[in-house]
N, C-alpha and C. Protein backbone atom coordinates (compact mmCIF):
# COMPACT_ATOMS: atom_id res chain seq x y z
N MET A 1 12.39 19.48 -12.06
CA MET A 1 12.58 19.97 -10.74
C MET A 1 11.34 19.69 -9.94
N GLN A 2 10.08 20.10 -10.39
CA GLN A 2 8.93 20.21 -9.49
C GLN A 2 8.60 18.65 -9.49
N LYS A 3 8.75 17.78 -10.34
CA LYS A 3 8.29 16.54 -10.07
C LYS A 3 9.12 15.76 -8.99
N TYR A 4 10.59 16.11 -8.85
CA TYR A 4 11.34 15.65 -7.56
C TYR A 4 10.93 15.91 -6.50
N LEU A 5 10.55 17.40 -6.25
CA LEU A 5 9.86 17.70 -5.01
C LEU A 5 8.35 17.15 -4.76
N LEU A 6 7.64 16.99 -5.63
CA LEU A 6 6.29 16.41 -5.53
C LEU A 6 6.57 15.02 -4.90
N ILE A 7 7.68 14.10 -5.65
CA ILE A 7 7.75 12.62 -5.28
C ILE A 7 7.97 12.51 -3.77
N ALA A 8 9.13 13.91 -3.53
CA ALA A 8 9.85 13.79 -2.25
C ALA A 8 8.65 13.90 -1.14
N ALA A 9 7.90 15.17 -1.35
CA ALA A 9 6.67 15.25 -0.44
C ALA A 9 5.68 14.14 -0.35
N GLY A 10 5.35 13.81 -1.37
CA GLY A 10 4.43 12.41 -1.45
C GLY A 10 5.23 11.46 -0.56
N GLY A 11 6.51 11.30 -0.80
CA GLY A 11 7.40 10.11 0.01
C GLY A 11 7.31 10.15 1.49
N ALA A 12 7.71 11.43 1.78
CA ALA A 12 7.37 11.97 3.18
C ALA A 12 6.19 11.63 3.71
N LEU A 13 5.43 12.06 3.03
CA LEU A 13 3.56 11.86 3.60
C LEU A 13 3.53 10.44 3.86
N GLY A 14 3.78 9.43 2.74
CA GLY A 14 3.69 8.10 2.58
C GLY A 14 4.44 7.20 3.60
N SER A 15 5.74 7.63 3.99
CA SER A 15 6.47 6.81 4.92
C SER A 15 5.85 7.31 6.49
N VAL A 16 5.62 8.22 6.86
CA VAL A 16 5.07 8.86 7.96
C VAL A 16 3.78 7.84 8.26
N ALA A 17 2.86 8.03 7.04
CA ALA A 17 1.57 7.23 7.27
C ALA A 17 1.70 5.44 7.25
N ARG A 18 2.86 5.22 6.53
CA ARG A 18 3.29 3.81 6.78
C ARG A 18 3.56 3.58 8.35
N TYR A 19 4.62 4.10 8.90
CA TYR A 19 4.98 4.25 10.18
C TYR A 19 3.66 4.27 11.05
N TRP A 20 3.14 5.05 10.95
CA TRP A 20 1.95 5.49 12.11
C TRP A 20 0.66 4.19 12.02
N VAL A 21 0.47 3.78 10.97
CA VAL A 21 -0.58 2.51 10.61
C VAL A 21 0.11 1.27 11.30
N GLY A 22 1.40 0.83 10.48
CA GLY A 22 2.07 -0.38 11.10
C GLY A 22 2.20 -0.13 12.44
N SER A 23 2.54 1.05 13.39
CA SER A 23 3.02 0.96 14.88
C SER A 23 1.59 1.01 15.60
N THR A 24 0.53 1.45 15.00
CA THR A 24 -0.81 1.48 15.39
C THR A 24 -1.49 0.26 15.43
N VAL A 25 -1.29 -0.49 14.56
CA VAL A 25 -2.14 -1.77 14.29
C VAL A 25 -1.28 -2.75 15.31
N ALA A 26 0.03 -2.71 15.08
CA ALA A 26 0.90 -3.65 16.06
C ALA A 26 0.73 -3.41 17.36
N GLY A 27 0.71 -2.35 17.78
CA GLY A 27 0.41 -1.68 19.34
C GLY A 27 -1.16 -2.31 19.82
N ARG A 28 -1.99 -2.69 18.75
CA ARG A 28 -3.28 -3.02 19.35
C ARG A 28 -3.27 -4.26 19.18
N MET A 29 -2.73 -5.17 18.17
CA MET A 29 -2.96 -6.59 17.44
C MET A 29 -2.07 -6.83 17.93
N GLY A 30 -0.76 -6.83 18.34
CA GLY A 30 0.18 -7.56 18.53
C GLY A 30 1.38 -7.54 17.20
N ILE A 31 2.48 -8.39 17.49
CA ILE A 31 3.25 -8.78 16.18
C ILE A 31 3.68 -10.09 15.83
N LYS A 32 2.74 -10.94 16.32
CA LYS A 32 3.00 -12.29 15.99
C LYS A 32 2.45 -12.56 14.50
N PHE A 33 1.54 -11.97 14.28
CA PHE A 33 1.34 -11.62 12.56
C PHE A 33 1.55 -10.46 12.19
N PRO A 34 1.60 -10.10 10.93
CA PRO A 34 1.98 -8.86 10.54
C PRO A 34 0.71 -7.96 9.97
N TYR A 35 -0.18 -7.92 10.77
CA TYR A 35 -1.43 -7.12 10.61
C TYR A 35 -1.08 -5.66 10.31
N GLY A 36 -0.31 -4.85 10.67
CA GLY A 36 0.15 -3.62 10.21
C GLY A 36 0.68 -3.61 8.91
N THR A 37 1.43 -4.50 8.43
CA THR A 37 1.88 -4.53 6.77
C THR A 37 0.67 -4.65 6.17
N LEU A 38 -0.03 -5.78 6.51
CA LEU A 38 -1.07 -6.50 5.65
C LEU A 38 -2.09 -5.06 5.36
N LEU A 39 -2.56 -4.48 6.59
CA LEU A 39 -3.46 -3.49 6.20
C LEU A 39 -2.86 -2.24 5.45
N VAL A 40 -1.33 -1.77 5.70
CA VAL A 40 -0.69 -0.89 4.64
C VAL A 40 -0.84 -1.26 3.38
N ASN A 41 -0.49 -2.61 2.77
CA ASN A 41 -0.68 -2.86 1.50
C ASN A 41 -1.92 -3.04 0.86
N ILE A 42 -3.02 -3.53 1.77
CA ILE A 42 -4.33 -3.51 1.31
C ILE A 42 -4.85 -1.90 0.95
N THR A 43 -4.57 -1.19 1.86
CA THR A 43 -5.08 -0.04 1.59
C THR A 43 -4.31 0.96 0.40
N ALA A 44 -2.99 0.69 0.61
CA ALA A 44 -2.20 1.01 -0.50
C ALA A 44 -2.83 0.51 -2.19
N CYS A 45 -3.13 -0.50 -2.25
CA CYS A 45 -3.91 -0.97 -3.53
C CYS A 45 -5.22 -0.18 -3.68
N LEU A 46 -5.97 -0.08 -2.63
CA LEU A 46 -7.07 0.73 -2.69
C LEU A 46 -6.85 2.23 -3.01
N ILE A 47 -6.07 2.72 -2.41
CA ILE A 47 -5.41 4.09 -3.09
C ILE A 47 -5.08 4.31 -4.42
N LEU A 48 -3.99 3.27 -4.70
CA LEU A 48 -3.60 3.17 -6.15
C LEU A 48 -4.55 2.98 -7.20
N GLY A 49 -5.59 1.73 -7.00
CA GLY A 49 -6.54 1.56 -7.95
C GLY A 49 -7.26 2.90 -8.17
N PHE A 50 -7.78 3.51 -7.15
CA PHE A 50 -8.60 4.79 -7.30
C PHE A 50 -7.91 5.67 -7.84
N THR A 51 -6.77 5.93 -7.53
CA THR A 51 -6.11 7.25 -7.88
C THR A 51 -5.65 7.12 -9.60
N LEU A 52 -5.20 5.93 -9.84
CA LEU A 52 -4.77 5.98 -11.52
C LEU A 52 -6.05 5.63 -12.22
N THR A 53 -7.23 5.23 -11.83
CA THR A 53 -8.43 5.16 -12.38
C THR A 53 -8.74 6.77 -12.65
N CYS A 54 -8.68 7.37 -11.66
CA CYS A 54 -9.25 8.63 -11.62
C CYS A 54 -8.36 9.68 -12.55
N LEU A 55 -6.89 9.31 -12.66
CA LEU A 55 -6.21 10.05 -13.26
C LEU A 55 -6.08 9.98 -14.75
N GLY A 56 -6.56 8.41 -14.87
CA GLY A 56 -6.78 8.20 -16.41
C GLY A 56 -7.77 8.97 -16.95
N LYS A 57 -9.04 9.29 -16.44
CA LYS A 57 -10.06 9.61 -16.73
C LYS A 57 -9.97 11.10 -17.23
N GLY A 58 -9.14 11.78 -16.86
CA GLY A 58 -9.27 13.28 -17.04
C GLY A 58 -8.81 13.55 -18.93
N ALA A 59 -9.19 14.29 -19.30
CA ALA A 59 -8.68 14.69 -20.68
C ALA A 59 -7.34 14.87 -20.66
N ASP A 60 -6.78 16.02 -19.67
CA ASP A 60 -5.48 16.47 -19.54
C ASP A 60 -5.14 16.53 -18.14
N PRO A 61 -5.21 15.52 -17.60
CA PRO A 61 -4.48 15.52 -16.07
C PRO A 61 -3.58 16.19 -15.78
N ASP A 62 -3.45 16.94 -14.72
CA ASP A 62 -1.91 17.60 -14.23
C ASP A 62 -1.10 16.34 -13.76
N PRO A 63 0.20 16.30 -14.31
CA PRO A 63 0.99 15.20 -14.05
C PRO A 63 1.42 15.52 -12.84
N ALA A 64 1.32 16.48 -12.13
CA ALA A 64 1.84 16.54 -10.83
C ALA A 64 1.17 15.54 -9.86
N TRP A 65 -0.26 15.38 -10.20
CA TRP A 65 -0.74 14.22 -9.06
C TRP A 65 -0.47 12.89 -9.28
N ARG A 66 0.16 12.51 -10.41
CA ARG A 66 0.57 11.30 -10.82
C ARG A 66 2.16 11.25 -9.95
N PHE A 67 2.85 12.28 -9.88
CA PHE A 67 4.23 12.16 -9.03
C PHE A 67 3.85 12.08 -7.49
N LEU A 68 2.85 12.85 -7.26
CA LEU A 68 2.61 13.05 -5.82
C LEU A 68 2.10 11.64 -5.01
N ILE A 69 1.06 11.27 -5.68
CA ILE A 69 0.23 10.09 -4.95
C ILE A 69 0.58 9.19 -5.35
N PRO A 70 0.64 8.15 -6.84
CA PRO A 70 1.21 7.26 -7.10
C PRO A 70 2.55 6.75 -6.95
N ILE A 71 3.32 7.57 -7.34
CA ILE A 71 4.83 7.70 -7.51
C ILE A 71 5.29 7.94 -5.83
N GLY A 72 4.84 9.09 -5.24
CA GLY A 72 5.63 9.40 -4.07
C GLY A 72 5.05 8.84 -3.12
N PHE A 73 3.90 9.13 -2.58
CA PHE A 73 3.03 8.67 -1.38
C PHE A 73 2.91 7.22 -1.45
N ILE A 74 2.25 6.61 -2.57
CA ILE A 74 2.27 5.08 -2.36
C ILE A 74 3.48 4.41 -2.52
N GLY A 75 4.60 4.82 -3.11
CA GLY A 75 5.84 4.37 -3.54
C GLY A 75 6.50 4.18 -2.17
N ALA A 76 6.36 4.91 -1.00
CA ALA A 76 6.69 5.20 0.06
C ALA A 76 6.07 4.39 1.33
N TYR A 77 4.68 4.40 1.08
CA TYR A 77 3.80 3.98 1.86
C TYR A 77 3.74 2.24 1.98
N SER A 78 3.98 1.71 0.79
CA SER A 78 3.94 0.32 0.67
C SER A 78 5.00 -0.37 0.11
N THR A 79 5.66 -0.92 0.93
CA THR A 79 6.79 -1.70 0.15
C THR A 79 6.60 -3.15 0.32
N PHE A 80 6.81 -3.72 -0.82
CA PHE A 80 6.59 -5.14 -1.31
C PHE A 80 7.62 -6.03 -0.55
N ALA A 81 8.83 -5.40 -0.59
CA ALA A 81 9.81 -6.04 0.15
C ALA A 81 9.43 -6.32 1.40
N THR A 82 9.03 -5.57 2.28
CA THR A 82 8.41 -5.77 3.81
C THR A 82 7.68 -7.10 3.69
N TYR A 83 7.18 -7.29 2.95
CA TYR A 83 5.92 -8.28 2.72
C TYR A 83 6.79 -9.42 2.66
N GLU A 84 7.65 -9.43 1.62
CA GLU A 84 8.32 -10.84 1.48
C GLU A 84 9.28 -11.08 2.80
N TRP A 85 9.83 -9.97 3.37
CA TRP A 85 10.85 -10.55 4.53
C TRP A 85 9.95 -11.02 5.47
N GLU A 86 8.70 -10.51 5.83
CA GLU A 86 7.97 -10.87 6.83
C GLU A 86 7.47 -12.34 6.59
N THR A 87 7.09 -12.54 5.50
CA THR A 87 6.59 -13.99 5.11
C THR A 87 7.72 -14.94 5.22
N LEU A 88 8.84 -14.54 4.86
CA LEU A 88 10.16 -15.40 5.15
C LEU A 88 10.57 -15.45 6.51
N SER A 89 10.59 -14.58 7.08
CA SER A 89 10.67 -14.73 8.67
C SER A 89 9.67 -15.61 9.18
N THR A 90 8.31 -15.52 8.83
CA THR A 90 7.40 -16.33 9.43
C THR A 90 7.47 -17.66 9.11
N LEU A 91 7.82 -18.03 8.00
CA LEU A 91 8.11 -19.32 7.49
C LEU A 91 9.58 -19.88 8.28
N ARG A 92 10.49 -18.97 8.25
CA ARG A 92 11.46 -19.61 9.02
C ARG A 92 11.55 -19.96 10.62
N SER A 93 10.33 -18.99 11.29
CA SER A 93 10.01 -19.44 12.71
C SER A 93 9.29 -20.78 12.88
N GLY A 94 8.67 -21.27 11.41
CA GLY A 94 8.04 -22.63 11.56
C GLY A 94 6.52 -22.35 11.54
N ALA A 95 6.19 -21.24 11.35
CA ALA A 95 4.82 -20.52 11.32
C ALA A 95 4.05 -21.07 9.88
N TYR A 96 4.09 -21.94 9.57
CA TYR A 96 3.44 -22.14 8.15
C TYR A 96 2.48 -21.99 7.62
N PHE A 97 1.27 -21.99 8.58
CA PHE A 97 0.17 -21.90 8.31
C PHE A 97 0.07 -20.14 8.23
N LEU A 98 0.54 -19.62 9.05
CA LEU A 98 0.57 -17.87 9.41
C LEU A 98 1.42 -17.41 8.06
N ALA A 99 2.38 -18.14 7.75
CA ALA A 99 2.82 -17.69 6.56
C ALA A 99 2.21 -17.59 5.16
N ALA A 100 1.53 -18.67 5.09
CA ALA A 100 0.81 -19.06 3.91
C ALA A 100 -0.63 -18.07 4.09
N LEU A 101 -1.21 -17.98 5.07
CA LEU A 101 -2.38 -16.84 5.47
C LEU A 101 -2.13 -15.53 5.11
N TYR A 102 -0.89 -15.03 5.52
CA TYR A 102 -0.33 -13.66 5.35
C TYR A 102 0.05 -13.67 3.77
N ALA A 103 0.56 -14.52 3.10
CA ALA A 103 1.31 -14.33 1.68
C ALA A 103 -0.25 -14.53 0.71
N VAL A 104 -1.39 -15.38 0.82
CA VAL A 104 -2.28 -15.37 0.24
C VAL A 104 -3.39 -14.16 0.61
N GLY A 105 -3.39 -14.10 1.90
CA GLY A 105 -4.29 -13.19 1.95
C GLY A 105 -4.00 -11.63 1.44
N SER A 106 -2.72 -11.33 1.53
CA SER A 106 -2.18 -10.18 1.03
C SER A 106 -2.52 -10.00 -0.47
N LEU A 107 -2.40 -11.10 -1.52
CA LEU A 107 -2.60 -11.53 -2.62
C LEU A 107 -4.16 -11.04 -3.09
N VAL A 108 -4.62 -12.13 -2.57
CA VAL A 108 -6.15 -11.88 -2.68
C VAL A 108 -6.77 -10.77 -2.16
N LEU A 109 -6.64 -10.20 -1.07
CA LEU A 109 -7.38 -9.08 -0.61
C LEU A 109 -6.66 -7.66 -1.19
N GLY A 110 -5.29 -7.65 -1.66
CA GLY A 110 -4.99 -6.65 -2.42
C GLY A 110 -5.53 -6.63 -3.68
N LEU A 111 -5.66 -7.55 -4.48
CA LEU A 111 -6.47 -7.78 -5.86
C LEU A 111 -7.98 -7.16 -5.60
N ALA A 112 -8.58 -7.60 -4.82
CA ALA A 112 -9.71 -6.98 -4.38
C ALA A 112 -9.80 -5.75 -4.10
N ALA A 113 -8.99 -5.00 -3.37
CA ALA A 113 -8.97 -3.78 -2.96
C ALA A 113 -8.62 -3.02 -4.03
N THR A 114 -7.70 -3.45 -4.81
CA THR A 114 -7.31 -2.58 -6.15
C THR A 114 -8.65 -2.47 -7.24
N TRP A 115 -9.31 -3.76 -7.32
CA TRP A 115 -10.63 -3.61 -7.88
C TRP A 115 -11.66 -2.61 -7.57
N CYS A 116 -11.71 -2.78 -6.23
CA CYS A 116 -12.58 -1.79 -5.38
C CYS A 116 -12.37 -0.30 -5.68
N GLY A 117 -11.17 -0.11 -5.44
CA GLY A 117 -10.44 1.42 -5.94
C GLY A 117 -10.86 1.53 -7.22
N THR A 118 -10.72 0.77 -8.34
CA THR A 118 -11.02 1.24 -9.77
C THR A 118 -12.27 1.25 -9.54
N ALA A 119 -13.40 0.66 -8.95
CA ALA A 119 -14.86 0.58 -9.32
C ALA A 119 -15.01 2.04 -8.61
N LEU A 120 -14.63 2.36 -7.52
CA LEU A 120 -15.10 3.38 -7.15
C LEU A 120 -14.29 4.79 -7.84
N GLY A 121 -13.16 4.77 -8.47
CA GLY A 121 -12.80 5.52 -9.67
C GLY A 121 -13.72 5.68 -10.88
N ASP A 122 -14.26 4.50 -11.25
CA ASP A 122 -15.12 4.42 -12.22
C ASP A 122 -16.57 5.40 -11.91
N LEU A 123 -16.88 5.52 -10.63
CA LEU A 123 -17.94 6.11 -10.23
C LEU A 123 -18.08 7.60 -10.21
N LEU A 124 -16.90 7.97 -10.19
CA LEU A 124 -16.71 9.76 -10.66
C LEU A 124 -16.82 10.10 -12.01
């Protein structure tokens, strides 16, 4: 039962963080390009890479952290389906360059952020 409560708590925090980041960025940069979702996806990759690397280093890490952060928080904070929907919507609006920029930017920057998170975790 404890793991479900940890996942729920992490999920609540992740969904609120996602909304806050997305709406703050959209309010400042507009909605023509999904900057907020891009930032959420990139930071999620960074946090996930860092957390899983750090958790993997411990001889006997407390499993509670795995339920709280990677499963709960990141699971709610970043949704790949939103990325896909926004890419498709951008394509359907005829903004092919923006759709390609968003899709490729998410992939390349996400991979780089995951690598950076892993590198940060390796420093500890």
